[in-house]
């Protein structure tokens, strides 16, 4: 139950991160993907 709750919470935070990034930076997706690559 704790693992599922933590995963759900992380997914929620990750979505919030992406929303804020897209709203503030026009090239946020490309820049974020470049780090992973």
ModelCIF file with pLDDT and N, C-alpha, C, O atoms, coordinates in Angstrom:
data_MODEL
#
_entry.id   MODEL 
#
_entity.id                         1 
_entity.type                       polymer 
_entity.pdbx_number_of_molecules   1 
#
_entity_poly.entity_id                      1 
_entity_poly.type                           'polypeptide(L)' 
_entity_poly.nstd_linkage                   no 
_entity_poly.nstd_monomer                   no 
_entity_poly.pdbx_seq_one_letter_code       
;(UNK)(UNK)(UNK)(UNK)(UNK)(UNK)(UNK)(UNK)(UNK)(UNK)(UNK)(UNK)(UNK)(UNK)(UNK)(UNK)
(UNK)(UNK)(UNK)(UNK)(UNK)(UNK)(UNK)(UNK)(UNK)(UNK)(UNK)(UNK)(UNK)(UNK)(UNK)(UNK)
(UNK)(UNK)(UNK)(UNK)(UNK)
;
_entity_poly.pdbx_seq_one_letter_code_can   XXXXXXXXXXXXXXXXXXXXXXXXXXXXXXXXXXXXX 
_entity_poly.pdbx_strand_id                 A 
#
loop_
_entity_poly_seq.entity_id 
_entity_poly_seq.num 
_entity_poly_seq.mon_id 
_entity_poly_seq.hetero 
1 1  UNK n 
1 2  UNK n 
1 3  UNK n 
1 4  UNK n 
1 5  UNK n 
1 6  UNK n 
1 7  UNK n 
1 8  UNK n 
1 9  UNK n 
1 10 UNK n 
1 11 UNK n 
1 12 UNK n 
1 13 UNK n 
1 14 UNK n 
1 15 UNK n 
1 16 UNK n 
1 17 UNK n 
1 18 UNK n 
1 19 UNK n 
1 20 UNK n 
1 21 UNK n 
1 22 UNK n 
1 23 UNK n 
1 24 UNK n 
1 25 UNK n 
1 26 UNK n 
1 27 UNK n 
1 28 UNK n 
1 29 UNK n 
1 30 UNK n 
1 31 UNK n 
1 32 UNK n 
1 33 UNK n 
1 34 UNK n 
1 35 UNK n 
1 36 UNK n 
1 37 UNK n 
#
_struct_asym.id          A 
_struct_asym.entity_id   1 
#
loop_
_ma_qa_metric.id 
_ma_qa_metric.mode 
_ma_qa_metric.name 
_ma_qa_metric.software_group_id 
_ma_qa_metric.type 
1 global pLDDT . pLDDT 
2 local  pLDDT . pLDDT 
#
_ma_qa_metric_global.metric_id      1 
_ma_qa_metric_global.metric_value   87.89 
_ma_qa_metric_global.model_id       1 
_ma_qa_metric_global.ordinal_id     1 
#
loop_
_ma_qa_metric_local.label_asym_id 
_ma_qa_metric_local.label_comp_id 
_ma_qa_metric_local.label_seq_id 
_ma_qa_metric_local.metric_id 
_ma_qa_metric_local.metric_value 
_ma_qa_metric_local.model_id 
_ma_qa_metric_local.ordinal_id 
A UNK 1  2 83.00 1 1  
A UNK 2  2 81.00 1 2  
A UNK 3  2 81.00 1 3  
A UNK 4  2 85.00 1 4  
A UNK 5  2 82.00 1 5  
A UNK 6  2 81.00 1 6  
A UNK 7  2 81.00 1 7  
A UNK 8  2 85.00 1 8  
A UNK 9  2 84.00 1 9  
A UNK 10 2 82.00 1 10 
A UNK 11 2 87.00 1 11 
A UNK 12 2 88.00 1 12 
A UNK 13 2 87.00 1 13 
A UNK 14 2 87.00 1 14 
A UNK 15 2 90.00 1 15 
A UNK 16 2 90.00 1 16 
A UNK 17 2 89.00 1 17 
A UNK 18 2 89.00 1 18 
A UNK 19 2 91.00 1 19 
A UNK 20 2 91.00 1 20 
A UNK 21 2 91.00 1 21 
A UNK 22 2 91.00 1 22 
A UNK 23 2 91.00 1 23 
A UNK 24 2 91.00 1 24 
A UNK 25 2 92.00 1 25 
A UNK 26 2 91.00 1 26 
A UNK 27 2 92.00 1 27 
A UNK 28 2 92.00 1 28 
A UNK 29 2 90.00 1 29 
A UNK 30 2 91.00 1 30 
A UNK 31 2 90.00 1 31 
A UNK 32 2 89.00 1 32 
A UNK 33 2 90.00 1 33 
A UNK 34 2 90.00 1 34 
A UNK 35 2 89.00 1 35 
A UNK 36 2 88.00 1 36 
A UNK 37 2 90.00 1 37 
#
loop_
_atom_site.group_PDB 
_atom_site.id 
_atom_site.type_symbol 
_atom_site.label_atom_id 
_atom_site.label_alt_id 
_atom_site.label_comp_id 
_atom_site.label_asym_id 
_atom_site.label_entity_id 
_atom_site.label_seq_id 
_atom_site.pdbx_PDB_ins_code 
_atom_site.Cartn_x 
_atom_site.Cartn_y 
_atom_site.Cartn_z 
_atom_site.occupancy 
_atom_site.B_iso_or_equiv 
_atom_site.pdbx_formal_charge 
_atom_site.auth_seq_id 
_atom_site.auth_comp_id 
_atom_site.auth_asym_id 
_atom_site.auth_atom_id 
_atom_site.pdbx_PDB_model_num 
ATOM 1   N N  . UNK A 1 1  ? 0.828  -1.207 0.000   1.00 83.00 ? 1  UNK A N  1 
ATOM 2   C CA . UNK A 1 1  ? 0.000  0.000  0.000   1.00 83.00 ? 1  UNK A CA 1 
ATOM 3   C C  . UNK A 1 1  ? 0.866  1.263  0.000   1.00 83.00 ? 1  UNK A C  1 
ATOM 4   O O  . UNK A 1 1  ? 0.576  2.217  -0.721  1.00 83.00 ? 1  UNK A O  1 
ATOM 5   N N  . UNK A 1 2  ? 1.931  1.267  0.810   1.00 81.00 ? 2  UNK A N  1 
ATOM 6   C CA . UNK A 1 2  ? 2.831  2.423  0.866   1.00 81.00 ? 2  UNK A CA 1 
ATOM 7   C C  . UNK A 1 2  ? 3.537  2.620  -0.466  1.00 81.00 ? 2  UNK A C  1 
ATOM 8   O O  . UNK A 1 2  ? 3.704  3.747  -0.932  1.00 81.00 ? 2  UNK A O  1 
ATOM 9   N N  . UNK A 1 3  ? 3.952  1.506  -1.079  1.00 81.00 ? 3  UNK A N  1 
ATOM 10  C CA . UNK A 1 3  ? 4.632  1.587  -2.375  1.00 81.00 ? 3  UNK A CA 1 
ATOM 11  C C  . UNK A 1 3  ? 3.703  2.171  -3.437  1.00 81.00 ? 3  UNK A C  1 
ATOM 12  O O  . UNK A 1 3  ? 4.110  3.020  -4.230  1.00 81.00 ? 3  UNK A O  1 
ATOM 13  N N  . UNK A 1 4  ? 2.456  1.708  -3.445  1.00 85.00 ? 4  UNK A N  1 
ATOM 14  C CA . UNK A 1 4  ? 1.490  2.221  -4.423  1.00 85.00 ? 4  UNK A CA 1 
ATOM 15  C C  . UNK A 1 4  ? 1.190  3.701  -4.181  1.00 85.00 ? 4  UNK A C  1 
ATOM 16  O O  . UNK A 1 4  ? 1.067  4.478  -5.128  1.00 85.00 ? 4  UNK A O  1 
ATOM 17  N N  . UNK A 1 5  ? 1.074  4.085  -2.912  1.00 82.00 ? 5  UNK A N  1 
ATOM 18  C CA . UNK A 1 5  ? 0.813  5.489  -2.588  1.00 82.00 ? 5  UNK A CA 1 
ATOM 19  C C  . UNK A 1 5  ? 1.981  6.371  -2.994  1.00 82.00 ? 5  UNK A C  1 
ATOM 20  O O  . UNK A 1 5  ? 1.781  7.460  -3.531  1.00 82.00 ? 5  UNK A O  1 
ATOM 21  N N  . UNK A 1 6  ? 3.201  5.907  -2.741  1.00 81.00 ? 6  UNK A N  1 
ATOM 22  C CA . UNK A 1 6  ? 4.389  6.680  -3.107  1.00 81.00 ? 6  UNK A CA 1 
ATOM 23  C C  . UNK A 1 6  ? 4.505  6.813  -4.627  1.00 81.00 ? 6  UNK A C  1 
ATOM 24  O O  . UNK A 1 6  ? 4.861  7.876  -5.135  1.00 81.00 ? 6  UNK A O  1 
ATOM 25  N N  . UNK A 1 7  ? 4.208  5.745  -5.341  1.00 81.00 ? 7  UNK A N  1 
ATOM 26  C CA . UNK A 1 7  ? 4.248  5.807  -6.805  1.00 81.00 ? 7  UNK A CA 1 
ATOM 27  C C  . UNK A 1 7  ? 3.214  6.801  -7.335  1.00 81.00 ? 7  UNK A C  1 
ATOM 28  O O  . UNK A 1 7  ? 3.503  7.595  -8.230  1.00 81.00 ? 7  UNK A O  1 
ATOM 29  N N  . UNK A 1 8  ? 2.009  6.745  -6.769  1.00 85.00 ? 8  UNK A N  1 
ATOM 30  C CA . UNK A 1 8  ? 0.956  7.674  -7.200  1.00 85.00 ? 8  UNK A CA 1 
ATOM 31  C C  . UNK A 1 8  ? 1.364  9.114  -6.911  1.00 85.00 ? 8  UNK A C  1 
ATOM 32  O O  . UNK A 1 8  ? 1.121  10.014 -7.715  1.00 85.00 ? 8  UNK A O  1 
ATOM 33  N N  . UNK A 1 9  ? 1.990  9.320  -5.751  1.00 84.00 ? 9  UNK A N  1 
ATOM 34  C CA . UNK A 1 9  ? 2.422  10.676 -5.375  1.00 84.00 ? 9  UNK A CA 1 
ATOM 35  C C  . UNK A 1 9  ? 3.524  11.162 -6.314  1.00 84.00 ? 9  UNK A C  1 
ATOM 36  O O  . UNK A 1 9  ? 3.520  12.323 -6.725  1.00 84.00 ? 9  UNK A O  1 
ATOM 37  N N  . UNK A 1 10 ? 4.454  10.295 -6.650  1.00 82.00 ? 10 UNK A N  1 
ATOM 38  C CA . UNK A 1 10 ? 5.535  10.683 -7.566  1.00 82.00 ? 10 UNK A CA 1 
ATOM 39  C C  . UNK A 1 10 ? 4.996  11.010 -8.957  1.00 82.00 ? 10 UNK A C  1 
ATOM 40  O O  . UNK A 1 10 ? 5.445  11.953 -9.609  1.00 82.00 ? 10 UNK A O  1 
ATOM 41  N N  . UNK A 1 11 ? 4.036  10.221 -9.391  1.00 87.00 ? 11 UNK A N  1 
ATOM 42  C CA . UNK A 1 11 ? 3.439  10.492 -10.700 1.00 87.00 ? 11 UNK A CA 1 
ATOM 43  C C  . UNK A 1 11 ? 2.753  11.860 -10.702 1.00 87.00 ? 11 UNK A C  1 
ATOM 44  O O  . UNK A 1 11 ? 2.827  12.608 -11.678 1.00 87.00 ? 11 UNK A O  1 
ATOM 45  N N  . UNK A 1 12 ? 2.087  12.169 -9.591  1.00 88.00 ? 12 UNK A N  1 
ATOM 46  C CA . UNK A 1 12 ? 1.417  13.465 -9.482  1.00 88.00 ? 12 UNK A CA 1 
ATOM 47  C C  . UNK A 1 12 ? 2.435  14.611 -9.505  1.00 88.00 ? 12 UNK A C  1 
ATOM 48  O O  . UNK A 1 12 ? 2.220  15.626 -10.168 1.00 88.00 ? 12 UNK A O  1 
ATOM 49  N N  . UNK A 1 13 ? 3.545  14.439 -8.775  1.00 87.00 ? 13 UNK A N  1 
ATOM 50  C CA . UNK A 1 13 ? 4.593  15.464 -8.751  1.00 87.00 ? 13 UNK A CA 1 
ATOM 51  C C  . UNK A 1 13 ? 5.266  15.595 -10.117 1.00 87.00 ? 13 UNK A C  1 
ATOM 52  O O  . UNK A 1 13 ? 5.608  16.697 -10.545 1.00 87.00 ? 13 UNK A O  1 
ATOM 53  N N  . UNK A 1 14 ? 5.454  14.457 -10.800 1.00 87.00 ? 14 UNK A N  1 
ATOM 54  C CA . UNK A 1 14 ? 6.074  14.503 -12.133 1.00 87.00 ? 14 UNK A CA 1 
ATOM 55  C C  . UNK A 1 14 ? 5.177  15.243 -13.125 1.00 87.00 ? 14 UNK A C  1 
ATOM 56  O O  . UNK A 1 14 ? 5.665  15.995 -13.969 1.00 87.00 ? 14 UNK A O  1 
ATOM 57  N N  . UNK A 1 15 ? 3.875  15.029 -13.020 1.00 90.00 ? 15 UNK A N  1 
ATOM 58  C CA . UNK A 1 15 ? 2.945  15.746 -13.899 1.00 90.00 ? 15 UNK A CA 1 
ATOM 59  C C  . UNK A 1 15 ? 2.970  17.251 -13.614 1.00 90.00 ? 15 UNK A C  1 
ATOM 60  O O  . UNK A 1 15 ? 2.914  18.072 -14.529 1.00 90.00 ? 15 UNK A O  1 
ATOM 61  N N  . UNK A 1 16 ? 3.054  17.588 -12.340 1.00 90.00 ? 16 UNK A N  1 
ATOM 62  C CA . UNK A 1 16 ? 3.117  19.002 -11.964 1.00 90.00 ? 16 UNK A CA 1 
ATOM 63  C C  . UNK A 1 16 ? 4.406  19.627 -12.479 1.00 90.00 ? 16 UNK A C  1 
ATOM 64  O O  . UNK A 1 16 ? 4.405  20.757 -12.968 1.00 90.00 ? 16 UNK A O  1 
ATOM 65  N N  . UNK A 1 17 ? 5.511  18.882 -12.366 1.00 89.00 ? 17 UNK A N  1 
ATOM 66  C CA . UNK A 1 17 ? 6.800  19.365 -12.882 1.00 89.00 ? 17 UNK A CA 1 
ATOM 67  C C  . UNK A 1 17 ? 6.696  19.665 -14.374 1.00 89.00 ? 17 UNK A C  1 
ATOM 68  O O  . UNK A 1 17 ? 7.103  20.732 -14.832 1.00 89.00 ? 17 UNK A O  1 
ATOM 69  N N  . UNK A 1 18 ? 6.148  18.714 -15.125 1.00 89.00 ? 18 UNK A N  1 
ATOM 70  C CA . UNK A 1 18 ? 6.033  18.906 -16.570 1.00 89.00 ? 18 UNK A CA 1 
ATOM 71  C C  . UNK A 1 18 ? 5.126  20.088 -16.915 1.00 89.00 ? 18 UNK A C  1 
ATOM 72  O O  . UNK A 1 18 ? 5.448  20.877 -17.803 1.00 89.00 ? 18 UNK A O  1 
ATOM 73  N N  . UNK A 1 19 ? 3.996  20.213 -16.220 1.00 91.00 ? 19 UNK A N  1 
ATOM 74  C CA . UNK A 1 19 ? 3.077  21.327 -16.493 1.00 91.00 ? 19 UNK A CA 1 
ATOM 75  C C  . UNK A 1 19 ? 3.751  22.674 -16.257 1.00 91.00 ? 19 UNK A C  1 
ATOM 76  O O  . UNK A 1 19 ? 3.635  23.585 -17.076 1.00 91.00 ? 19 UNK A O  1 
ATOM 77  N N  . UNK A 1 20 ? 4.452  22.793 -15.137 1.00 91.00 ? 20 UNK A N  1 
ATOM 78  C CA . UNK A 1 20 ? 5.143  24.047 -14.841 1.00 91.00 ? 20 UNK A CA 1 
ATOM 79  C C  . UNK A 1 20 ? 6.250  24.329 -15.854 1.00 91.00 ? 20 UNK A C  1 
ATOM 80  O O  . UNK A 1 20 ? 6.464  25.473 -16.255 1.00 91.00 ? 20 UNK A O  1 
ATOM 81  N N  . UNK A 1 21 ? 6.959  23.258 -16.266 1.00 91.00 ? 21 UNK A N  1 
ATOM 82  C CA . UNK A 1 21 ? 8.034  23.433 -17.243 1.00 91.00 ? 21 UNK A CA 1 
ATOM 83  C C  . UNK A 1 21 ? 7.510  23.873 -18.601 1.00 91.00 ? 21 UNK A C  1 
ATOM 84  O O  . UNK A 1 21 ? 8.075  24.778 -19.215 1.00 91.00 ? 21 UNK A O  1 
ATOM 85  N N  . UNK A 1 22 ? 6.432  23.244 -19.082 1.00 91.00 ? 22 UNK A N  1 
ATOM 86  C CA . UNK A 1 22 ? 5.855  23.624 -20.372 1.00 91.00 ? 22 UNK A CA 1 
ATOM 87  C C  . UNK A 1 22 ? 5.313  25.060 -20.336 1.00 91.00 ? 22 UNK A C  1 
ATOM 88  O O  . UNK A 1 22 ? 5.375  25.790 -21.325 1.00 91.00 ? 22 UNK A O  1 
ATOM 89  N N  . UNK A 1 23 ? 4.778  25.443 -19.166 1.00 91.00 ? 23 UNK A N  1 
ATOM 90  C CA . UNK A 1 23 ? 4.207  26.782 -19.057 1.00 91.00 ? 23 UNK A CA 1 
ATOM 91  C C  . UNK A 1 23 ? 5.290  27.862 -19.047 1.00 91.00 ? 23 UNK A C  1 
ATOM 92  O O  . UNK A 1 23 ? 5.058  28.976 -19.518 1.00 91.00 ? 23 UNK A O  1 
ATOM 93  N N  . UNK A 1 24 ? 6.467  27.542 -18.516 1.00 91.00 ? 24 UNK A N  1 
ATOM 94  C CA . UNK A 1 24 ? 7.515  28.557 -18.351 1.00 91.00 ? 24 UNK A CA 1 
ATOM 95  C C  . UNK A 1 24 ? 8.525  28.565 -19.489 1.00 91.00 ? 24 UNK A C  1 
ATOM 96  O O  . UNK A 1 24 ? 9.020  29.627 -19.867 1.00 91.00 ? 24 UNK A O  1 
ATOM 97  N N  . UNK A 1 25 ? 8.835  27.400 -20.038 1.00 92.00 ? 25 UNK A N  1 
ATOM 98  C CA . UNK A 1 25 ? 9.874  27.293 -21.070 1.00 92.00 ? 25 UNK A CA 1 
ATOM 99  C C  . UNK A 1 25 ? 9.274  26.681 -22.337 1.00 92.00 ? 25 UNK A C  1 
ATOM 100 O O  . UNK A 1 25 ? 8.679  25.604 -22.297 1.00 92.00 ? 25 UNK A O  1 
ATOM 101 N N  . UNK A 1 26 ? 9.433  27.365 -23.432 1.00 91.00 ? 26 UNK A N  1 
ATOM 102 C CA . UNK A 1 26 ? 8.855  26.879 -24.693 1.00 91.00 ? 26 UNK A CA 1 
ATOM 103 C C  . UNK A 1 26 ? 9.558  25.626 -25.199 1.00 91.00 ? 26 UNK A C  1 
ATOM 104 O O  . UNK A 1 26 ? 8.939  24.807 -25.878 1.00 91.00 ? 26 UNK A O  1 
ATOM 105 N N  . UNK A 1 27 ? 10.844 25.460 -24.880 1.00 92.00 ? 27 UNK A N  1 
ATOM 106 C CA . UNK A 1 27 ? 11.608 24.288 -25.337 1.00 92.00 ? 27 UNK A CA 1 
ATOM 107 C C  . UNK A 1 27 ? 11.881 23.315 -24.195 1.00 92.00 ? 27 UNK A C  1 
ATOM 108 O O  . UNK A 1 27 ? 12.872 22.585 -24.227 1.00 92.00 ? 27 UNK A O  1 
ATOM 109 N N  . UNK A 1 28 ? 11.015 23.297 -23.191 1.00 92.00 ? 28 UNK A N  1 
ATOM 110 C CA . UNK A 1 28 ? 11.256 22.484 -21.983 1.00 92.00 ? 28 UNK A CA 1 
ATOM 111 C C  . UNK A 1 28 ? 11.403 20.999 -22.323 1.00 92.00 ? 28 UNK A C  1 
ATOM 112 O O  . UNK A 1 28 ? 12.309 20.335 -21.820 1.00 92.00 ? 28 UNK A O  1 
ATOM 113 N N  . UNK A 1 29 ? 10.521 20.480 -23.168 1.00 90.00 ? 29 UNK A N  1 
ATOM 114 C CA . UNK A 1 29 ? 10.557 19.050 -23.476 1.00 90.00 ? 29 UNK A CA 1 
ATOM 115 C C  . UNK A 1 29 ? 11.864 18.658 -24.142 1.00 90.00 ? 29 UNK A C  1 
ATOM 116 O O  . UNK A 1 29 ? 12.470 17.652 -23.772 1.00 90.00 ? 29 UNK A O  1 
ATOM 117 N N  . UNK A 1 30 ? 12.311 19.446 -25.127 1.00 91.00 ? 30 UNK A N  1 
ATOM 118 C CA . UNK A 1 30 ? 13.551 19.128 -25.834 1.00 91.00 ? 30 UNK A CA 1 
ATOM 119 C C  . UNK A 1 30 ? 14.757 19.197 -24.905 1.00 91.00 ? 30 UNK A C  1 
ATOM 120 O O  . UNK A 1 30 ? 15.646 18.347 -24.960 1.00 91.00 ? 30 UNK A O  1 
ATOM 121 N N  . UNK A 1 31 ? 14.778 20.227 -24.043 1.00 90.00 ? 31 UNK A N  1 
ATOM 122 C CA . UNK A 1 31 ? 15.912 20.389 -23.124 1.00 90.00 ? 31 UNK A CA 1 
ATOM 123 C C  . UNK A 1 31 ? 15.942 19.234 -22.107 1.00 90.00 ? 31 UNK A C  1 
ATOM 124 O O  . UNK A 1 31 ? 17.010 18.697 -21.814 1.00 90.00 ? 31 UNK A O  1 
ATOM 125 N N  . UNK A 1 32 ? 14.775 18.854 -21.570 1.00 89.00 ? 32 UNK A N  1 
ATOM 126 C CA . UNK A 1 32 ? 14.723 17.769 -20.588 1.00 89.00 ? 32 UNK A CA 1 
ATOM 127 C C  . UNK A 1 32 ? 15.151 16.443 -21.212 1.00 89.00 ? 32 UNK A C  1 
ATOM 128 O O  . UNK A 1 32 ? 15.875 15.664 -20.591 1.00 89.00 ? 32 UNK A O  1 
ATOM 129 N N  . UNK A 1 33 ? 14.703 16.191 -22.435 1.00 90.00 ? 33 UNK A N  1 
ATOM 130 C CA . UNK A 1 33 ? 15.077 14.950 -23.109 1.00 90.00 ? 33 UNK A CA 1 
ATOM 131 C C  . UNK A 1 33 ? 16.559 14.915 -23.435 1.00 90.00 ? 33 UNK A C  1 
ATOM 132 O O  . UNK A 1 33 ? 17.165 13.843 -23.441 1.00 90.00 ? 33 UNK A O  1 
ATOM 133 N N  . UNK A 1 34 ? 17.152 16.069 -23.706 1.00 90.00 ? 34 UNK A N  1 
ATOM 134 C CA . UNK A 1 34 ? 18.584 16.107 -24.038 1.00 90.00 ? 34 UNK A CA 1 
ATOM 135 C C  . UNK A 1 34 ? 19.425 15.644 -22.850 1.00 90.00 ? 34 UNK A C  1 
ATOM 136 O O  . UNK A 1 34 ? 20.477 15.031 -23.035 1.00 90.00 ? 34 UNK A O  1 
ATOM 137 N N  . UNK A 1 35 ? 18.962 15.935 -21.625 1.00 89.00 ? 35 UNK A N  1 
ATOM 138 C CA . UNK A 1 35 ? 19.700 15.493 -20.441 1.00 89.00 ? 35 UNK A CA 1 
ATOM 139 C C  . UNK A 1 35 ? 19.707 13.975 -20.353 1.00 89.00 ? 35 UNK A C  1 
ATOM 140 O O  . UNK A 1 35 ? 20.750 13.367 -20.113 1.00 89.00 ? 35 UNK A O  1 
ATOM 141 N N  . UNK A 1 36 ? 18.542 13.362 -20.549 1.00 88.00 ? 36 UNK A N  1 
ATOM 142 C CA . UNK A 1 36 ? 18.464 11.905 -20.510 1.00 88.00 ? 36 UNK A CA 1 
ATOM 143 C C  . UNK A 1 36 ? 19.305 11.262 -21.591 1.00 88.00 ? 36 UNK A C  1 
ATOM 144 O O  . UNK A 1 36 ? 19.984 10.269 -21.334 1.00 88.00 ? 36 UNK A O  1 
ATOM 145 N N  . UNK A 1 37 ? 19.272 11.817 -22.816 1.00 90.00 ? 37 UNK A N  1 
ATOM 146 C CA . UNK A 1 37 ? 20.068 11.272 -23.913 1.00 90.00 ? 37 UNK A CA 1 
ATOM 147 C C  . UNK A 1 37 ? 21.557 11.356 -23.602 1.00 90.00 ? 37 UNK A C  1 
ATOM 148 O O  . UNK A 1 37 ? 22.383 10.942 -24.416 1.00 90.00 ? 37 UNK A O  1 
#
